[in-house]
């Protein structure tokens, strides 16, 4: 009896100490997006996404310049990411646009999240008003969000000179684009 209690105690102790391994395939952090790291070079994208398809901007390639956009597709055809390399002599990835909702920040935000979801886990740093969109920057992350003015009340939609504040954006406003900027 004593041995069985000891055995069960050891098993429970081992189970409690085991850490659940986090799948980082679609995890967005300030220094990585899945296997892609902030220090990764643009020339290595085909190696990093060897299991996927990398499509380069053919218009730019035909003109003899470097690709301006790289699109990463899953083998099944689903668009995952759009990458923009820097203009440096040794280009790195400067901007990432998330096209697939499986990519999530450490706080669980993805492209199908709403403004309410964003502001519930992040502190809004700044809202930038553009012609057709509103750009939302957050303090805790390099991820930023674009919300279409179509999601705003009609009094704010058509006024181009009005600076929109975070409190004026409805909670139900959908994210149009979710991007990460690395400099």
C-alpha atoms as a PDB file:
ATOM      1  CA  UNK A   1       0.000   0.000   0.000  1.00  0.00           C
ATOM      2  CA  UNK A   2       2.774   2.368   0.969  1.00  0.00           C
ATOM      3  CA  UNK A   3       4.654   1.675  -2.264  1.00  0.00           C
ATOM      4  CA  UNK A   4       1.590   2.363  -4.398  1.00  0.00           C
ATOM      5  CA  UNK A   5       0.967   5.718  -2.660  1.00  0.00           C
ATOM      6  CA  UNK A   6       4.612   6.636  -3.167  1.00  0.00           C
ATOM      7  CA  UNK A   7       4.431   5.553  -6.811  1.00  0.00           C
ATOM      8  CA  UNK A   8       1.279   7.616  -7.444  1.00  0.00           C
ATOM      9  CA  UNK A   9       2.859  10.629  -5.712  1.00  0.00           C
ATOM     10  CA  UNK A  10       5.945  10.398  -7.919  1.00  0.00           C
ATOM     11  CA  UNK A  11       3.811  10.127 -11.062  1.00  0.00           C
ATOM     12  CA  UNK A  12       1.721  13.162 -10.064  1.00  0.00           C
ATOM     13  CA  UNK A  13       4.863  15.144  -9.281  1.00  0.00           C
ATOM     14  CA  UNK A  14       6.364  14.297 -12.663  1.00  0.00           C
ATOM     15  CA  UNK A  15       3.151  15.224 -14.486  1.00  0.00           C
ATOM     16  CA  UNK A  16       2.937  18.582 -12.717  1.00  0.00           C
ATOM     17  CA  UNK A  17       6.529  19.449 -13.566  1.00  0.00           C
ATOM     18  CA  UNK A  18       6.144  18.714 -17.271  1.00  0.00           C
ATOM     19  CA  UNK A  19       5.799  21.902 -19.256  1.00  0.00           C
ATOM     20  CA  UNK A  20       3.501  22.035 -22.226  1.00  0.00           C
ATOM     21  CA  UNK A  21       5.532  22.757 -25.314  1.00  0.00           C
ATOM     22  CA  UNK A  22       4.260  25.777 -27.236  1.00  0.00           C
ATOM     23  CA  UNK A  23       3.873  25.448 -31.001  1.00  0.00           C
ATOM     24  CA  UNK A  24       5.636  28.479 -32.483  1.00  0.00           C
ATOM     25  CA  UNK A  25       4.775  27.740 -36.131  1.00  0.00           C
ATOM     26  CA  UNK A  26       2.312  30.647 -36.214  1.00  0.00           C
ATOM     27  CA  UNK A  27       3.468  32.655 -33.196  1.00  0.00           C
ATOM     28  CA  UNK A  28       4.168  36.383 -33.663  1.00  0.00           C
ATOM     29  CA  UNK A  29       6.704  38.009 -31.337  1.00  0.00           C
ATOM     30  CA  UNK A  30       8.740  41.212 -31.666  1.00  0.00           C
ATOM     31  CA  UNK A  31      11.745  39.174 -32.832  1.00  0.00           C
ATOM     32  CA  UNK A  32      10.170  36.326 -34.803  1.00  0.00           C
ATOM     33  CA  UNK A  33       7.226  35.141 -36.857  1.00  0.00           C
ATOM     34  CA  UNK A  34       7.224  31.364 -36.756  1.00  0.00           C
ATOM     35  CA  UNK A  35      10.594  30.280 -38.194  1.00  0.00           C
ATOM     36  CA  UNK A  36      11.335  33.760 -39.568  1.00  0.00           C
ATOM     37  CA  UNK A  37      13.537  35.852 -37.293  1.00  0.00           C
ATOM     38  CA  UNK A  38      14.168  39.571 -37.217  1.00  0.00           C
ATOM     39  CA  UNK A  39      17.789  38.922 -38.226  1.00  0.00           C
ATOM     40  CA  UNK A  40      16.861  36.654 -41.174  1.00  0.00           C
ATOM     41  CA  UNK A  41      18.095  37.822 -44.550  1.00  0.00           C
ATOM     42  CA  UNK A  42      15.718  38.182 -47.493  1.00  0.00           C
ATOM     43  CA  UNK A  43      17.905  35.844 -49.564  1.00  0.00           C
ATOM     44  CA  UNK A  44      17.219  33.040 -47.043  1.00  0.00           C
ATOM     45  CA  UNK A  45      13.424  33.179 -47.315  1.00  0.00           C
ATOM     46  CA  UNK A  46      13.284  30.215 -49.704  1.00  0.00           C
ATOM     47  CA  UNK A  47      15.284  28.134 -47.207  1.00  0.00           C
ATOM     48  CA  UNK A  48      13.153  29.218 -44.240  1.00  0.00           C
ATOM     49  CA  UNK A  49       9.936  28.439 -46.121  1.00  0.00           C
ATOM     50  CA  UNK A  50      11.231  25.354 -47.986  1.00  0.00           C
ATOM     51  CA  UNK A  51       7.977  23.467 -47.240  1.00  0.00           C
ATOM     52  CA  UNK A  52       5.905  26.337 -48.625  1.00  0.00           C
ATOM     53  CA  UNK A  53       5.880  28.266 -51.908  1.00  0.00           C
ATOM     54  CA  UNK A  54       7.658  31.616 -52.166  1.00  0.00           C
ATOM     55  CA  UNK A  55       6.384  33.877 -54.950  1.00  0.00           C
ATOM     56  CA  UNK A  56       8.395  36.960 -55.916  1.00  0.00           C
ATOM     57  CA  UNK A  57       6.981  40.086 -57.526  1.00  0.00           C
ATOM     58  CA  UNK A  58       7.595  39.239 -61.206  1.00  0.00           C
ATOM     59  CA  UNK A  59       7.018  42.775 -62.485  1.00  0.00           C
ATOM     60  CA  UNK A  60       9.974  44.021 -60.497  1.00  0.00           C
ATOM     61  CA  UNK A  61      12.103  41.008 -61.414  1.00  0.00           C
ATOM     62  CA  UNK A  62      11.494  41.594 -65.130  1.00  0.00           C
ATOM     63  CA  UNK A  63      12.724  45.172 -64.757  1.00  0.00           C
ATOM     64  CA  UNK A  64      15.984  43.885 -63.283  1.00  0.00           C
ATOM     65  CA  UNK A  65      15.390  45.144 -59.746  1.00  0.00           C
ATOM     66  CA  UNK A  66      15.151  43.136 -56.559  1.00  0.00           C
ATOM     67  CA  UNK A  67      11.758  41.775 -55.595  1.00  0.00           C
ATOM     68  CA  UNK A  68       9.691  44.323 -53.680  1.00  0.00           C
ATOM     69  CA  UNK A  69       7.243  41.810 -52.223  1.00  0.00           C
ATOM     70  CA  UNK A  70       7.532  38.141 -51.402  1.00  0.00           C
ATOM     71  CA  UNK A  71       4.355  36.129 -50.921  1.00  0.00           C
ATOM     72  CA  UNK A  72       4.466  32.940 -48.888  1.00  0.00           C
ATOM     73  CA  UNK A  73       1.852  30.333 -49.818  1.00  0.00           C
ATOM     74  CA  UNK A  74       1.160  27.063 -48.089  1.00  0.00           C
ATOM     75  CA  UNK A  75       1.550  24.021 -50.364  1.00  0.00           C
ATOM     76  CA  UNK A  76      -2.260  23.821 -50.481  1.00  0.00           C
ATOM     77  CA  UNK A  77      -2.457  27.327 -51.962  1.00  0.00           C
ATOM     78  CA  UNK A  78      -3.411  29.339 -48.839  1.00  0.00           C
ATOM     79  CA  UNK A  79      -1.655  32.738 -48.700  1.00  0.00           C
ATOM     80  CA  UNK A  80       0.173  32.973 -45.361  1.00  0.00           C
ATOM     81  CA  UNK A  81       2.316  36.119 -45.425  1.00  0.00           C
ATOM     82  CA  UNK A  82       3.401  39.017 -47.601  1.00  0.00           C
ATOM     83  CA  UNK A  83       6.970  40.089 -46.859  1.00  0.00           C
ATOM     84  CA  UNK A  84       8.652  43.352 -47.856  1.00  0.00           C
ATOM     85  CA  UNK A  85      12.467  43.332 -47.847  1.00  0.00           C
ATOM     86  CA  UNK A  86      14.448  46.418 -46.871  1.00  0.00           C
ATOM     87  CA  UNK A  87      16.317  48.414 -49.510  1.00  0.00           C
ATOM     88  CA  UNK A  88      19.676  47.782 -47.815  1.00  0.00           C
ATOM     89  CA  UNK A  89      22.665  46.282 -49.613  1.00  0.00           C
ATOM     90  CA  UNK A  90      22.039  43.109 -47.583  1.00  0.00           C
ATOM     91  CA  UNK A  91      18.237  43.164 -47.321  1.00  0.00           C
ATOM     92  CA  UNK A  92      16.379  41.834 -44.321  1.00  0.00           C
ATOM     93  CA  UNK A  93      12.626  41.621 -43.942  1.00  0.00           C
ATOM     94  CA  UNK A  94      11.264  45.058 -43.081  1.00  0.00           C
ATOM     95  CA  UNK A  95       7.486  44.522 -43.042  1.00  0.00           C
ATOM     96  CA  UNK A  96       5.273  41.476 -42.691  1.00  0.00           C
ATOM     97  CA  UNK A  97       1.597  41.436 -43.554  1.00  0.00           C
ATOM     98  CA  UNK A  98      -0.339  38.571 -42.018  1.00  0.00           C
ATOM     99  CA  UNK A  99      -2.777  36.965 -44.439  1.00  0.00           C
ATOM    100  CA  UNK A 100      -3.757  33.886 -42.394  1.00  0.00           C
ATOM    101  CA  UNK A 101      -5.650  33.955 -39.080  1.00  0.00           C
ATOM    102  CA  UNK A 102      -3.494  31.158 -37.661  1.00  0.00           C
ATOM    103  CA  UNK A 103      -0.746  33.725 -37.087  1.00  0.00           C
ATOM    104  CA  UNK A 104      -1.335  35.074 -33.585  1.00  0.00           C
ATOM    105  CA  UNK A 105       0.520  37.413 -31.273  1.00  0.00           C
ATOM    106  CA  UNK A 106       1.614  36.187 -27.863  1.00  0.00           C
ATOM    107  CA  UNK A 107      -1.587  37.792 -26.572  1.00  0.00           C
ATOM    108  CA  UNK A 108      -3.812  35.898 -29.036  1.00  0.00           C
ATOM    109  CA  UNK A 109      -4.586  38.676 -31.548  1.00  0.00           C
ATOM    110  CA  UNK A 110      -4.975  37.687 -35.231  1.00  0.00           C
ATOM    111  CA  UNK A 111      -6.418  39.192 -38.413  1.00  0.00           C
ATOM    112  CA  UNK A 112      -9.973  38.165 -37.498  1.00  0.00           C
ATOM    113  CA  UNK A 113      -9.812  39.997 -34.158  1.00  0.00           C
ATOM    114  CA  UNK A 114     -11.782  43.174 -33.494  1.00  0.00           C
ATOM    115  CA  UNK A 115     -10.629  46.527 -32.139  1.00  0.00           C
ATOM    116  CA  UNK A 116     -12.108  45.528 -28.772  1.00  0.00           C
ATOM    117  CA  UNK A 117      -9.859  42.447 -28.731  1.00  0.00           C
ATOM    118  CA  UNK A 118      -6.804  44.595 -29.496  1.00  0.00           C
ATOM    119  CA  UNK A 119      -7.474  47.257 -26.878  1.00  0.00           C
ATOM    120  CA  UNK A 120      -8.295  44.644 -24.225  1.00  0.00           C
ATOM    121  CA  UNK A 121      -4.756  43.219 -24.343  1.00  0.00           C
ATOM    122  CA  UNK A 122      -2.656  46.125 -25.647  1.00  0.00           C
ATOM    123  CA  UNK A 123      -2.242  49.773 -24.727  1.00  0.00           C
ATOM    124  CA  UNK A 124      -3.054  51.985 -27.710  1.00  0.00           C
ATOM    125  CA  UNK A 125      -0.017  54.180 -28.351  1.00  0.00           C
ATOM    126  CA  UNK A 126      -1.225  56.199 -31.318  1.00  0.00           C
ATOM    127  CA  UNK A 127      -3.955  56.355 -33.942  1.00  0.00           C
ATOM    128  CA  UNK A 128      -2.947  57.713 -37.342  1.00  0.00           C
ATOM    129  CA  UNK A 129      -5.692  58.877 -39.672  1.00  0.00           C
ATOM    130  CA  UNK A 130      -5.224  58.268 -43.409  1.00  0.00           C
ATOM    131  CA  UNK A 131      -7.474  58.798 -46.414  1.00  0.00           C
ATOM    132  CA  UNK A 132      -9.375  55.484 -46.272  1.00  0.00           C
ATOM    133  CA  UNK A 133      -7.997  53.809 -43.162  1.00  0.00           C
ATOM    134  CA  UNK A 134      -6.958  54.300 -39.573  1.00  0.00           C
ATOM    135  CA  UNK A 135      -3.619  52.913 -38.392  1.00  0.00           C
ATOM    136  CA  UNK A 136      -3.484  51.712 -34.771  1.00  0.00           C
ATOM    137  CA  UNK A 137      -0.085  51.449 -33.065  1.00  0.00           C
ATOM    138  CA  UNK A 138       0.329  49.672 -29.723  1.00  0.00           C
ATOM    139  CA  UNK A 139       2.947  50.150 -27.000  1.00  0.00           C
ATOM    140  CA  UNK A 140       3.832  46.551 -26.183  1.00  0.00           C
ATOM    141  CA  UNK A 141       4.479  45.264 -29.707  1.00  0.00           C
ATOM    142  CA  UNK A 142       5.847  46.098 -33.149  1.00  0.00           C
ATOM    143  CA  UNK A 143       2.597  44.738 -34.594  1.00  0.00           C
ATOM    144  CA  UNK A 144       0.230  47.393 -35.922  1.00  0.00           C
ATOM    145  CA  UNK A 145      -3.312  47.279 -37.221  1.00  0.00           C
ATOM    146  CA  UNK A 146      -5.173  48.948 -40.064  1.00  0.00           C
ATOM    147  CA  UNK A 147      -8.902  49.514 -39.725  1.00  0.00           C
ATOM    148  CA  UNK A 148     -10.957  50.673 -42.693  1.00  0.00           C
ATOM    149  CA  UNK A 149     -12.845  53.936 -42.254  1.00  0.00           C
ATOM    150  CA  UNK A 150     -15.892  51.953 -43.413  1.00  0.00           C
ATOM    151  CA  UNK A 151     -15.878  50.436 -39.910  1.00  0.00           C
ATOM    152  CA  UNK A 152     -16.218  53.910 -38.331  1.00  0.00           C
ATOM    153  CA  UNK A 153     -19.374  55.969 -37.746  1.00  0.00           C
ATOM    154  CA  UNK A 154     -20.466  57.865 -40.865  1.00  0.00           C
ATOM    155  CA  UNK A 155     -19.555  61.222 -39.305  1.00  0.00           C
ATOM    156  CA  UNK A 156     -15.892  60.128 -39.266  1.00  0.00           C
ATOM    157  CA  UNK A 157     -15.811  58.156 -42.516  1.00  0.00           C
ATOM    158  CA  UNK A 158     -15.791  61.020 -44.960  1.00  0.00           C
ATOM    159  CA  UNK A 159     -13.971  63.716 -43.000  1.00  0.00           C
ATOM    160  CA  UNK A 160     -10.366  63.631 -44.230  1.00  0.00           C
ATOM    161  CA  UNK A 161      -9.040  66.365 -41.942  1.00  0.00           C
ATOM    162  CA  UNK A 162     -10.371  64.893 -38.678  1.00  0.00           C
ATOM    163  CA  UNK A 163      -7.868  63.208 -36.368  1.00  0.00           C
ATOM    164  CA  UNK A 164      -9.565  60.097 -35.094  1.00  0.00           C
ATOM    165  CA  UNK A 165      -8.989  59.032 -31.487  1.00  0.00           C
ATOM    166  CA  UNK A 166      -9.050  55.461 -30.146  1.00  0.00           C
ATOM    167  CA  UNK A 167     -12.268  56.138 -28.209  1.00  0.00           C
ATOM    168  CA  UNK A 168     -14.040  56.925 -31.501  1.00  0.00           C
ATOM    169  CA  UNK A 169     -13.290  53.512 -33.007  1.00  0.00           C
ATOM    170  CA  UNK A 170     -16.174  51.083 -32.370  1.00  0.00           C
ATOM    171  CA  UNK A 171     -15.364  47.915 -30.417  1.00  0.00           C
ATOM    172  CA  UNK A 172     -16.760  45.773 -33.250  1.00  0.00           C
ATOM    173  CA  UNK A 173     -14.462  47.355 -35.889  1.00  0.00           C
ATOM    174  CA  UNK A 174     -12.740  44.588 -37.844  1.00  0.00           C
ATOM    175  CA  UNK A 175      -9.034  44.590 -38.590  1.00  0.00           C
ATOM    176  CA  UNK A 176      -8.381  45.130 -42.289  1.00  0.00           C
ATOM    177  CA  UNK A 177      -4.620  44.483 -42.137  1.00  0.00           C
ATOM    178  CA  UNK A 178      -2.354  43.256 -39.373  1.00  0.00           C
ATOM    179  CA  UNK A 179       1.325  43.971 -39.928  1.00  0.00           C
ATOM    180  CA  UNK A 180       4.671  43.810 -38.176  1.00  0.00           C
ATOM    181  CA  UNK A 181       7.383  46.391 -38.816  1.00  0.00           C
ATOM    182  CA  UNK A 182      11.020  45.573 -38.191  1.00  0.00           C
ATOM    183  CA  UNK A 183      13.617  48.287 -38.610  1.00  0.00           C
END
